[in-house]
Amino acid sequence: MSLRPLHLLGSPVLREPAAPVGGGAAVDAEVRALVADLFETMRAAKGVGLAANQVGVARRVAVVETAETESFVLIDPVLVEKEGRVKEEEGCLSIPDLYADVERAARVVVEATDEQGARRRIEGTGLLARALQHEMDHLDGILFLDRVGPIKRRFLLRQWEKSREGQTGYLKEVVPESAAKA
């Protein structure tokens, strides 16, 4: 397992629809290593979800962990049911320190392959439903900024540009918590 740098807003891979992994047999050691790296990077960055393209890998792989007992691997996920609407604040590890209210389905059912190659069904409400939808958006090249109105989007993009003044590149190193305290 290793921490991977996060790709930030502006990195082309964030707008690229991710390629499918394939059936259960395609979940090999490389995919399992990616899953482990995603969990480690997400936890170190204090996120609740992370998609492979956020670490520069355009494959349909994501992880979600909304609580210690709610960890999910999403390989080639498909949204099969959704109902209700709820608008709540959202942020993104690839767009640090920016937040906006985003409307999403209140309840979702997702089918995805896990790291063992088995197809699973995940039902979520609340934060889990929001995180599942957010990570699946990433796999389609969609950012939460795309789900807010044009005025709010322009405001947030101006904030982002101001926060990035003098910075170059689109990568952010993730530092393990123990190193950050040293």
N, C-alpha and C. Protein backbone atom coordinates (compact mmCIF):
# COMPACT_ATOMS: atom_id res chain seq x y z
N MET A 1 0.85 -1.18 0.00
CA MET A 1 0.00 0.00 0.00
C MET A 1 0.89 1.24 0.00
N SER A 2 0.38 2.26 -0.68
CA SER A 2 1.13 3.51 -0.69
C SER A 2 0.18 4.68 -0.89
N LEU A 3 0.60 5.81 -0.36
CA LEU A 3 -0.15 7.04 -0.58
C LEU A 3 0.13 7.54 -1.98
N ARG A 4 -0.90 7.98 -2.63
CA ARG A 4 -0.74 8.51 -3.98
C ARG A 4 -1.09 9.99 -3.97
N PRO A 5 -0.43 10.79 -4.81
CA PRO A 5 -0.78 12.21 -4.88
C PRO A 5 -2.18 12.39 -5.45
N LEU A 6 -2.88 13.39 -4.95
CA LEU A 6 -4.22 13.72 -5.45
C LEU A 6 -4.11 14.64 -6.66
N HIS A 7 -4.93 14.38 -7.66
CA HIS A 7 -5.04 15.28 -8.81
C HIS A 7 -6.07 16.34 -8.45
N LEU A 8 -5.70 17.58 -8.68
CA LEU A 8 -6.56 18.72 -8.33
C LEU A 8 -7.29 19.25 -9.56
N LEU A 9 -8.32 20.05 -9.29
CA LEU A 9 -9.10 20.70 -10.35
C LEU A 9 -8.15 21.31 -11.38
N GLY A 10 -8.38 20.99 -12.63
CA GLY A 10 -7.51 21.43 -13.72
C GLY A 10 -6.76 20.26 -14.35
N SER A 11 -6.57 19.19 -13.59
CA SER A 11 -5.91 18.00 -14.11
C SER A 11 -6.85 17.32 -15.11
N PRO A 12 -6.39 17.08 -16.33
CA PRO A 12 -7.27 16.50 -17.36
C PRO A 12 -7.90 15.17 -16.97
N VAL A 13 -7.22 14.34 -16.17
CA VAL A 13 -7.76 13.02 -15.83
C VAL A 13 -9.07 13.12 -15.05
N LEU A 14 -9.30 14.23 -14.36
CA LEU A 14 -10.55 14.40 -13.61
C LEU A 14 -11.76 14.55 -14.52
N ARG A 15 -11.54 14.96 -15.75
CA ARG A 15 -12.64 15.15 -16.71
C ARG A 15 -12.77 13.99 -17.68
N GLU A 16 -11.94 12.98 -17.51
CA GLU A 16 -11.91 11.84 -18.41
C GLU A 16 -12.82 10.73 -17.89
N PRO A 17 -13.80 10.28 -18.68
CA PRO A 17 -14.58 9.11 -18.25
C PRO A 17 -13.65 7.92 -18.09
N ALA A 18 -13.77 7.23 -16.97
CA ALA A 18 -12.88 6.12 -16.65
C ALA A 18 -13.25 4.86 -17.42
N ALA A 19 -12.24 4.08 -17.76
CA ALA A 19 -12.43 2.83 -18.50
C ALA A 19 -12.86 1.72 -17.56
N PRO A 20 -13.78 0.86 -17.99
CA PRO A 20 -14.21 -0.27 -17.15
C PRO A 20 -13.05 -1.23 -16.86
N VAL A 21 -13.13 -1.85 -15.70
CA VAL A 21 -12.15 -2.87 -15.32
C VAL A 21 -12.49 -4.17 -16.02
N GLY A 22 -13.77 -4.51 -16.08
CA GLY A 22 -14.22 -5.76 -16.69
C GLY A 22 -14.84 -6.64 -15.63
N GLY A 23 -15.13 -7.86 -15.97
CA GLY A 23 -15.77 -8.79 -15.04
C GLY A 23 -14.91 -9.15 -13.85
N GLY A 24 -15.45 -10.00 -12.98
CA GLY A 24 -14.77 -10.41 -11.76
C GLY A 24 -13.37 -10.95 -11.98
N ALA A 25 -13.15 -11.65 -13.09
CA ALA A 25 -11.83 -12.21 -13.39
C ALA A 25 -10.80 -11.11 -13.65
N ALA A 26 -11.25 -9.94 -14.05
CA ALA A 26 -10.35 -8.82 -14.33
C ALA A 26 -9.87 -8.13 -13.05
N VAL A 27 -10.45 -8.49 -11.91
CA VAL A 27 -10.01 -7.92 -10.64
C VAL A 27 -8.77 -8.69 -10.20
N ASP A 28 -7.63 -8.20 -10.66
CA ASP A 28 -6.37 -8.87 -10.41
C ASP A 28 -5.58 -8.17 -9.30
N ALA A 29 -4.35 -8.58 -9.11
CA ALA A 29 -3.50 -8.02 -8.05
C ALA A 29 -3.29 -6.52 -8.25
N GLU A 30 -3.20 -6.07 -9.49
CA GLU A 30 -3.01 -4.64 -9.78
C GLU A 30 -4.23 -3.83 -9.32
N VAL A 31 -5.42 -4.33 -9.60
CA VAL A 31 -6.65 -3.64 -9.19
C VAL A 31 -6.77 -3.66 -7.66
N ARG A 32 -6.47 -4.80 -7.04
CA ARG A 32 -6.53 -4.87 -5.58
C ARG A 32 -5.52 -3.92 -4.93
N ALA A 33 -4.34 -3.78 -5.52
CA ALA A 33 -3.34 -2.83 -5.00
C ALA A 33 -3.86 -1.40 -5.14
N LEU A 34 -4.52 -1.10 -6.26
CA LEU A 34 -5.11 0.23 -6.44
C LEU A 34 -6.16 0.49 -5.37
N VAL A 35 -7.01 -0.49 -5.10
CA VAL A 35 -8.04 -0.35 -4.05
C VAL A 35 -7.38 -0.06 -2.71
N ALA A 36 -6.34 -0.80 -2.36
CA ALA A 36 -5.65 -0.57 -1.09
C ALA A 36 -5.05 0.83 -1.04
N ASP A 37 -4.46 1.28 -2.14
CA ASP A 37 -3.89 2.63 -2.19
C ASP A 37 -4.97 3.69 -2.07
N LEU A 38 -6.12 3.45 -2.70
CA LEU A 38 -7.23 4.41 -2.60
C LEU A 38 -7.69 4.54 -1.15
N PHE A 39 -7.87 3.42 -0.46
CA PHE A 39 -8.28 3.50 0.95
C PHE A 39 -7.23 4.23 1.78
N GLU A 40 -5.96 3.89 1.60
CA GLU A 40 -4.91 4.53 2.39
C GLU A 40 -4.84 6.03 2.11
N THR A 41 -4.90 6.41 0.85
CA THR A 41 -4.84 7.82 0.48
C THR A 41 -6.06 8.58 0.99
N MET A 42 -7.25 8.00 0.82
CA MET A 42 -8.49 8.63 1.29
C MET A 42 -8.44 8.86 2.79
N ARG A 43 -8.02 7.86 3.54
CA ARG A 43 -7.97 7.98 5.00
C ARG A 43 -6.96 9.03 5.43
N ALA A 44 -5.78 9.05 4.81
CA ALA A 44 -4.76 10.04 5.15
C ALA A 44 -5.23 11.45 4.84
N ALA A 45 -6.02 11.59 3.76
CA ALA A 45 -6.53 12.91 3.36
C ALA A 45 -7.82 13.28 4.10
N LYS A 46 -8.30 12.36 4.94
CA LYS A 46 -9.52 12.55 5.73
C LYS A 46 -10.76 12.75 4.86
N GLY A 47 -10.88 11.91 3.83
CA GLY A 47 -12.05 11.93 2.97
C GLY A 47 -13.00 10.80 3.32
N VAL A 48 -14.15 10.79 2.65
CA VAL A 48 -15.10 9.69 2.82
C VAL A 48 -15.24 8.87 1.53
N GLY A 49 -14.55 9.28 0.49
CA GLY A 49 -14.57 8.56 -0.77
C GLY A 49 -13.43 9.03 -1.64
N LEU A 50 -13.02 8.16 -2.57
CA LEU A 50 -11.96 8.51 -3.50
C LEU A 50 -12.10 7.65 -4.74
N ALA A 51 -12.04 8.28 -5.90
CA ALA A 51 -12.11 7.58 -7.18
C ALA A 51 -10.72 7.49 -7.78
N ALA A 52 -10.49 6.44 -8.57
CA ALA A 52 -9.17 6.20 -9.14
C ALA A 52 -8.66 7.38 -9.97
N ASN A 53 -9.55 8.05 -10.70
CA ASN A 53 -9.04 9.17 -11.50
C ASN A 53 -8.55 10.33 -10.63
N GLN A 54 -8.95 10.38 -9.36
CA GLN A 54 -8.43 11.41 -8.46
C GLN A 54 -6.97 11.16 -8.09
N VAL A 55 -6.48 9.95 -8.36
CA VAL A 55 -5.06 9.66 -8.17
C VAL A 55 -4.39 9.39 -9.51
N GLY A 56 -5.03 9.81 -10.60
CA GLY A 56 -4.42 9.75 -11.92
C GLY A 56 -4.63 8.47 -12.69
N VAL A 57 -5.53 7.59 -12.22
CA VAL A 57 -5.77 6.31 -12.89
C VAL A 57 -7.19 6.32 -13.45
N ALA A 58 -7.32 6.35 -14.76
CA ALA A 58 -8.65 6.44 -15.40
C ALA A 58 -9.29 5.06 -15.54
N ARG A 59 -9.55 4.42 -14.40
CA ARG A 59 -10.24 3.13 -14.35
C ARG A 59 -11.47 3.29 -13.47
N ARG A 60 -12.50 2.50 -13.71
CA ARG A 60 -13.76 2.62 -12.95
C ARG A 60 -13.63 1.89 -11.60
N VAL A 61 -12.84 2.51 -10.73
CA VAL A 61 -12.60 1.98 -9.38
C VAL A 61 -12.71 3.14 -8.40
N ALA A 62 -13.47 2.92 -7.32
CA ALA A 62 -13.59 3.94 -6.28
C ALA A 62 -13.79 3.23 -4.94
N VAL A 63 -13.56 3.97 -3.87
CA VAL A 63 -13.82 3.46 -2.53
C VAL A 63 -14.63 4.50 -1.77
N VAL A 64 -15.44 4.02 -0.84
CA VAL A 64 -16.26 4.88 0.01
C VAL A 64 -16.18 4.32 1.43
N GLU A 65 -16.01 5.22 2.39
CA GLU A 65 -15.98 4.82 3.79
C GLU A 65 -16.60 5.95 4.61
N THR A 66 -17.85 5.76 4.98
CA THR A 66 -18.55 6.82 5.71
C THR A 66 -18.50 6.60 7.21
N ALA A 67 -18.07 5.43 7.63
CA ALA A 67 -17.89 5.10 9.06
C ALA A 67 -16.97 3.90 9.12
N GLU A 68 -16.44 3.61 10.30
CA GLU A 68 -15.54 2.47 10.43
C GLU A 68 -16.18 1.17 9.96
N THR A 69 -17.49 1.07 10.08
CA THR A 69 -18.18 -0.16 9.70
C THR A 69 -18.81 -0.08 8.31
N GLU A 70 -18.59 1.01 7.61
CA GLU A 70 -19.18 1.20 6.27
C GLU A 70 -18.09 1.50 5.25
N SER A 71 -17.37 0.46 4.82
CA SER A 71 -16.35 0.59 3.78
C SER A 71 -16.79 -0.20 2.57
N PHE A 72 -16.72 0.45 1.41
CA PHE A 72 -17.18 -0.20 0.18
C PHE A 72 -16.18 0.00 -0.94
N VAL A 73 -15.99 -1.06 -1.72
CA VAL A 73 -15.18 -1.02 -2.93
C VAL A 73 -16.15 -0.99 -4.10
N LEU A 74 -15.93 -0.07 -5.02
CA LEU A 74 -16.80 0.09 -6.18
C LEU A 74 -15.98 -0.11 -7.45
N ILE A 75 -16.05 -1.28 -8.02
CA ILE A 75 -15.40 -1.55 -9.29
C ILE A 75 -16.50 -1.69 -10.33
N ASP A 76 -16.43 -0.90 -11.37
CA ASP A 76 -17.46 -0.85 -12.42
C ASP A 76 -18.86 -0.67 -11.82
N PRO A 77 -19.05 0.35 -10.98
CA PRO A 77 -20.36 0.54 -10.34
C PRO A 77 -21.42 1.02 -11.32
N VAL A 78 -22.67 0.61 -11.04
CA VAL A 78 -23.83 1.02 -11.83
C VAL A 78 -24.93 1.42 -10.85
N LEU A 79 -25.50 2.59 -11.06
CA LEU A 79 -26.63 3.05 -10.25
C LEU A 79 -27.88 2.37 -10.79
N VAL A 80 -28.53 1.53 -9.95
CA VAL A 80 -29.69 0.78 -10.42
C VAL A 80 -31.01 1.30 -9.88
N GLU A 81 -30.97 2.05 -8.78
CA GLU A 81 -32.19 2.65 -8.23
C GLU A 81 -31.85 3.97 -7.57
N LYS A 82 -32.77 4.90 -7.66
CA LYS A 82 -32.63 6.14 -6.91
C LYS A 82 -34.02 6.68 -6.62
N GLU A 83 -34.14 7.36 -5.48
CA GLU A 83 -35.43 7.97 -5.14
C GLU A 83 -35.21 9.16 -4.23
N GLY A 84 -36.17 10.06 -4.27
CA GLY A 84 -36.14 11.24 -3.43
C GLY A 84 -35.05 12.21 -3.86
N ARG A 85 -35.09 13.39 -3.27
CA ARG A 85 -34.08 14.42 -3.54
C ARG A 85 -33.71 15.07 -2.22
N VAL A 86 -32.45 15.39 -2.07
CA VAL A 86 -31.99 16.10 -0.88
C VAL A 86 -30.82 16.99 -1.30
N LYS A 87 -30.78 18.19 -0.71
CA LYS A 87 -29.72 19.14 -1.03
C LYS A 87 -28.89 19.37 0.23
N GLU A 88 -27.60 19.05 0.14
CA GLU A 88 -26.70 19.20 1.28
C GLU A 88 -25.33 19.63 0.80
N GLU A 89 -24.52 20.08 1.75
CA GLU A 89 -23.18 20.56 1.44
C GLU A 89 -22.27 19.40 1.03
N GLU A 90 -21.43 19.69 0.04
CA GLU A 90 -20.48 18.72 -0.46
C GLU A 90 -19.14 19.39 -0.69
N GLY A 91 -18.09 18.62 -0.55
CA GLY A 91 -16.74 19.07 -0.88
C GLY A 91 -16.05 17.95 -1.64
N CYS A 92 -14.77 18.14 -1.93
CA CYS A 92 -14.05 17.15 -2.72
C CYS A 92 -12.56 17.25 -2.43
N LEU A 93 -11.91 16.10 -2.28
CA LEU A 93 -10.47 16.09 -2.04
C LEU A 93 -9.69 16.69 -3.20
N SER A 94 -10.26 16.68 -4.40
CA SER A 94 -9.59 17.25 -5.56
C SER A 94 -9.83 18.75 -5.72
N ILE A 95 -10.69 19.29 -4.87
CA ILE A 95 -10.96 20.74 -4.87
C ILE A 95 -10.98 21.19 -3.41
N PRO A 96 -9.82 21.11 -2.73
CA PRO A 96 -9.81 21.35 -1.29
C PRO A 96 -10.34 22.72 -0.89
N ASP A 97 -11.03 22.71 0.24
CA ASP A 97 -11.51 23.94 0.89
C ASP A 97 -12.65 24.66 0.16
N LEU A 98 -13.24 24.03 -0.84
CA LEU A 98 -14.42 24.60 -1.48
C LEU A 98 -15.60 23.68 -1.21
N TYR A 99 -16.73 24.29 -0.89
CA TYR A 99 -17.94 23.53 -0.55
C TYR A 99 -19.15 24.19 -1.18
N ALA A 100 -20.16 23.39 -1.50
CA ALA A 100 -21.40 23.93 -2.05
C ALA A 100 -22.53 22.95 -1.77
N ASP A 101 -23.73 23.47 -1.71
CA ASP A 101 -24.91 22.63 -1.58
C ASP A 101 -25.19 21.99 -2.93
N VAL A 102 -25.31 20.67 -2.92
CA VAL A 102 -25.53 19.90 -4.15
C VAL A 102 -26.76 19.03 -3.95
N GLU A 103 -27.66 19.05 -4.94
CA GLU A 103 -28.84 18.19 -4.87
C GLU A 103 -28.51 16.82 -5.44
N ARG A 104 -28.89 15.79 -4.67
CA ARG A 104 -28.65 14.40 -5.06
C ARG A 104 -29.86 13.56 -4.67
N ALA A 105 -29.89 12.33 -5.16
CA ALA A 105 -30.93 11.40 -4.75
C ALA A 105 -30.75 11.10 -3.26
N ALA A 106 -31.87 10.98 -2.54
CA ALA A 106 -31.83 10.71 -1.10
C ALA A 106 -31.50 9.26 -0.80
N ARG A 107 -31.89 8.36 -1.70
CA ARG A 107 -31.63 6.93 -1.54
C ARG A 107 -31.17 6.37 -2.87
N VAL A 108 -30.12 5.55 -2.83
CA VAL A 108 -29.63 4.92 -4.05
C VAL A 108 -29.33 3.45 -3.80
N VAL A 109 -29.36 2.69 -4.88
CA VAL A 109 -28.88 1.32 -4.87
C VAL A 109 -27.86 1.23 -6.00
N VAL A 110 -26.68 0.74 -5.64
CA VAL A 110 -25.57 0.63 -6.59
C VAL A 110 -25.15 -0.83 -6.65
N GLU A 111 -24.91 -1.31 -7.86
CA GLU A 111 -24.30 -2.63 -8.04
C GLU A 111 -22.87 -2.41 -8.47
N ALA A 112 -21.94 -3.11 -7.80
CA ALA A 112 -20.53 -2.96 -8.10
C ALA A 112 -19.81 -4.26 -7.78
N THR A 113 -18.67 -4.43 -8.40
CA THR A 113 -17.81 -5.57 -8.10
C THR A 113 -16.91 -5.17 -6.94
N ASP A 114 -16.64 -6.12 -6.03
CA ASP A 114 -15.73 -5.82 -4.91
C ASP A 114 -14.31 -6.28 -5.26
N GLU A 115 -13.38 -6.13 -4.32
CA GLU A 115 -11.99 -6.44 -4.58
C GLU A 115 -11.73 -7.95 -4.73
N GLN A 116 -12.72 -8.77 -4.39
CA GLN A 116 -12.60 -10.22 -4.57
C GLN A 116 -13.19 -10.68 -5.91
N GLY A 117 -13.79 -9.74 -6.66
CA GLY A 117 -14.38 -10.08 -7.95
C GLY A 117 -15.85 -10.44 -7.89
N ALA A 118 -16.46 -10.32 -6.70
CA ALA A 118 -17.88 -10.64 -6.55
C ALA A 118 -18.73 -9.40 -6.78
N ARG A 119 -19.87 -9.59 -7.42
CA ARG A 119 -20.79 -8.48 -7.66
C ARG A 119 -21.62 -8.28 -6.41
N ARG A 120 -21.74 -7.04 -5.94
CA ARG A 120 -22.46 -6.69 -4.71
C ARG A 120 -23.50 -5.62 -4.99
N ARG A 121 -24.48 -5.56 -4.10
CA ARG A 121 -25.51 -4.53 -4.15
C ARG A 121 -25.38 -3.70 -2.89
N ILE A 122 -25.28 -2.39 -3.04
CA ILE A 122 -25.11 -1.48 -1.91
C ILE A 122 -26.28 -0.51 -1.91
N GLU A 123 -27.02 -0.48 -0.81
CA GLU A 123 -28.11 0.48 -0.67
C GLU A 123 -27.65 1.56 0.31
N GLY A 124 -27.87 2.80 -0.07
CA GLY A 124 -27.43 3.88 0.79
C GLY A 124 -28.41 5.02 0.88
N THR A 125 -28.45 5.63 2.06
CA THR A 125 -29.17 6.87 2.30
C THR A 125 -28.20 7.80 3.01
N GLY A 126 -28.59 9.05 3.18
CA GLY A 126 -27.76 9.99 3.91
C GLY A 126 -26.39 10.16 3.28
N LEU A 127 -25.36 10.21 4.14
CA LEU A 127 -23.99 10.43 3.66
C LEU A 127 -23.53 9.33 2.71
N LEU A 128 -23.92 8.09 2.97
CA LEU A 128 -23.51 7.00 2.08
C LEU A 128 -24.06 7.20 0.67
N ALA A 129 -25.33 7.56 0.55
CA ALA A 129 -25.92 7.80 -0.78
C ALA A 129 -25.20 8.94 -1.49
N ARG A 130 -24.90 10.00 -0.76
CA ARG A 130 -24.21 11.16 -1.33
C ARG A 130 -22.81 10.76 -1.79
N ALA A 131 -22.08 10.03 -0.96
CA ALA A 131 -20.71 9.63 -1.30
C ALA A 131 -20.69 8.69 -2.51
N LEU A 132 -21.61 7.75 -2.56
CA LEU A 132 -21.68 6.84 -3.71
C LEU A 132 -21.89 7.62 -5.00
N GLN A 133 -22.84 8.55 -4.99
CA GLN A 133 -23.12 9.34 -6.19
C GLN A 133 -21.94 10.23 -6.57
N HIS A 134 -21.31 10.84 -5.58
CA HIS A 134 -20.17 11.73 -5.81
C HIS A 134 -19.02 10.96 -6.48
N GLU A 135 -18.69 9.78 -5.95
CA GLU A 135 -17.59 9.00 -6.52
C GLU A 135 -17.94 8.46 -7.90
N MET A 136 -19.17 8.07 -8.11
CA MET A 136 -19.57 7.60 -9.44
C MET A 136 -19.51 8.74 -10.45
N ASP A 137 -19.86 9.96 -10.01
CA ASP A 137 -19.70 11.13 -10.88
C ASP A 137 -18.24 11.26 -11.32
N HIS A 138 -17.31 11.12 -10.35
CA HIS A 138 -15.88 11.22 -10.70
C HIS A 138 -15.53 10.25 -11.82
N LEU A 139 -16.05 9.04 -11.73
CA LEU A 139 -15.73 8.03 -12.74
C LEU A 139 -16.27 8.39 -14.12
N ASP A 140 -17.24 9.30 -14.15
CA ASP A 140 -17.80 9.78 -15.41
C ASP A 140 -17.21 11.14 -15.82
N GLY A 141 -16.21 11.62 -15.08
CA GLY A 141 -15.58 12.90 -15.40
C GLY A 141 -16.38 14.10 -14.94
N ILE A 142 -17.26 13.91 -13.97
CA ILE A 142 -18.14 14.97 -13.47
C ILE A 142 -17.68 15.37 -12.07
N LEU A 143 -17.59 16.68 -11.82
CA LEU A 143 -17.22 17.20 -10.51
C LEU A 143 -18.44 17.81 -9.83
N PHE A 144 -18.41 17.92 -8.51
CA PHE A 144 -19.57 18.48 -7.81
C PHE A 144 -19.85 19.90 -8.27
N LEU A 145 -18.85 20.62 -8.75
CA LEU A 145 -19.06 21.99 -9.27
C LEU A 145 -20.01 21.99 -10.47
N ASP A 146 -20.04 20.88 -11.19
CA ASP A 146 -20.92 20.76 -12.36
C ASP A 146 -22.38 20.65 -11.95
N ARG A 147 -22.64 20.40 -10.68
CA ARG A 147 -23.99 20.18 -10.20
C ARG A 147 -24.55 21.38 -9.43
N VAL A 148 -23.86 22.51 -9.50
CA VAL A 148 -24.37 23.75 -8.89
C VAL A 148 -24.72 24.72 -10.02
N GLY A 149 -25.47 25.74 -9.68
CA GLY A 149 -25.87 26.72 -10.68
C GLY A 149 -24.69 27.50 -11.22
N PRO A 150 -24.88 28.16 -12.37
CA PRO A 150 -23.77 28.86 -13.03
C PRO A 150 -23.18 30.01 -12.20
N ILE A 151 -23.99 30.72 -11.47
CA ILE A 151 -23.47 31.83 -10.67
C ILE A 151 -22.61 31.29 -9.52
N LYS A 152 -23.12 30.30 -8.83
CA LYS A 152 -22.37 29.68 -7.73
C LYS A 152 -21.08 29.05 -8.27
N ARG A 153 -21.15 28.40 -9.43
CA ARG A 153 -19.97 27.77 -10.03
C ARG A 153 -18.90 28.81 -10.33
N ARG A 154 -19.30 29.95 -10.94
CA ARG A 154 -18.33 31.02 -11.24
C ARG A 154 -17.69 31.54 -9.96
N PHE A 155 -18.50 31.73 -8.91
CA PHE A 155 -17.99 32.20 -7.63
C PHE A 155 -16.96 31.22 -7.07
N LEU A 156 -17.29 29.93 -7.08
CA LEU A 156 -16.38 28.91 -6.56
C LEU A 156 -15.10 28.81 -7.38
N LEU A 157 -15.22 28.91 -8.69
CA LEU A 157 -14.03 28.85 -9.55
C LEU A 157 -13.13 30.05 -9.31
N ARG A 158 -13.71 31.23 -9.06
CA ARG A 158 -12.89 32.41 -8.72
C ARG A 158 -12.17 32.19 -7.39
N GLN A 159 -12.89 31.61 -6.42
CA GLN A 159 -12.26 31.30 -5.13
C GLN A 159 -11.10 30.33 -5.33
N TRP A 160 -11.31 29.31 -6.16
CA TRP A 160 -10.28 28.32 -6.42
C TRP A 160 -9.05 28.97 -7.04
N GLU A 161 -9.28 29.80 -8.07
CA GLU A 161 -8.18 30.47 -8.74
C GLU A 161 -7.40 31.36 -7.77
N LYS A 162 -8.11 32.06 -6.91
CA LYS A 162 -7.45 32.93 -5.92
C LYS A 162 -6.62 32.10 -4.95
N SER A 163 -7.16 30.96 -4.52
CA SER A 163 -6.44 30.11 -3.57
C SER A 163 -5.20 29.48 -4.21
N ARG A 164 -5.16 29.38 -5.53
CA ARG A 164 -4.05 28.75 -6.24
C ARG A 164 -3.04 29.75 -6.78
N GLU A 165 -3.21 31.05 -6.50
CA GLU A 165 -2.28 32.06 -7.01
C GLU A 165 -0.85 31.69 -6.64
N GLY A 166 0.02 31.71 -7.64
CA GLY A 166 1.43 31.41 -7.43
C GLY A 166 1.75 29.93 -7.41
N GLN A 167 0.75 29.07 -7.48
CA GLN A 167 0.99 27.62 -7.48
C GLN A 167 0.93 27.09 -8.91
N THR A 168 1.72 26.09 -9.17
CA THR A 168 1.69 25.46 -10.49
C THR A 168 1.42 23.97 -10.32
N GLY A 169 0.99 23.36 -11.39
CA GLY A 169 0.73 21.92 -11.38
C GLY A 169 -0.61 21.58 -10.77
N TYR A 170 -0.96 20.34 -10.92
CA TYR A 170 -2.27 19.86 -10.47
C TYR A 170 -2.16 18.66 -9.55
N LEU A 171 -1.05 18.53 -8.85
CA LEU A 171 -0.87 17.42 -7.92
C LEU A 171 -0.70 17.94 -6.51
N LYS A 172 -1.27 17.19 -5.56
CA LYS A 172 -1.12 17.52 -4.14
C LYS A 172 -0.67 16.26 -3.42
N GLU A 173 0.49 16.32 -2.80
CA GLU A 173 0.98 15.18 -2.03
C GLU A 173 0.11 15.00 -0.80
N VAL A 174 -0.19 13.76 -0.47
CA VAL A 174 -0.94 13.44 0.74
C VAL A 174 0.07 12.99 1.78
N VAL A 175 0.01 13.64 2.93
CA VAL A 175 0.97 13.36 3.99
C VAL A 175 0.29 12.50 5.06
N PRO A 176 0.93 11.40 5.46
CA PRO A 176 0.32 10.59 6.53
C PRO A 176 0.18 11.41 7.80
N GLU A 177 -0.85 11.12 8.57
CA GLU A 177 -1.13 11.89 9.77
C GLU A 177 0.05 11.95 10.73
N SER A 178 0.76 10.85 10.91
CA SER A 178 1.90 10.84 11.83
C SER A 178 3.00 11.78 11.37
N ALA A 179 3.23 11.89 10.06
CA ALA A 179 4.26 12.80 9.53
C ALA A 179 3.80 14.25 9.63
N ALA A 180 2.49 14.47 9.50
CA ALA A 180 1.97 15.84 9.56
C ALA A 180 2.14 16.43 10.95
N LYS A 181 2.11 15.57 11.99
CA LYS A 181 2.24 16.05 13.36
C LYS A 181 3.69 16.27 13.77
N ALA A 182 4.62 15.66 13.04
CA ALA A 182 6.03 15.72 13.41
C ALA A 182 6.62 17.11 13.21
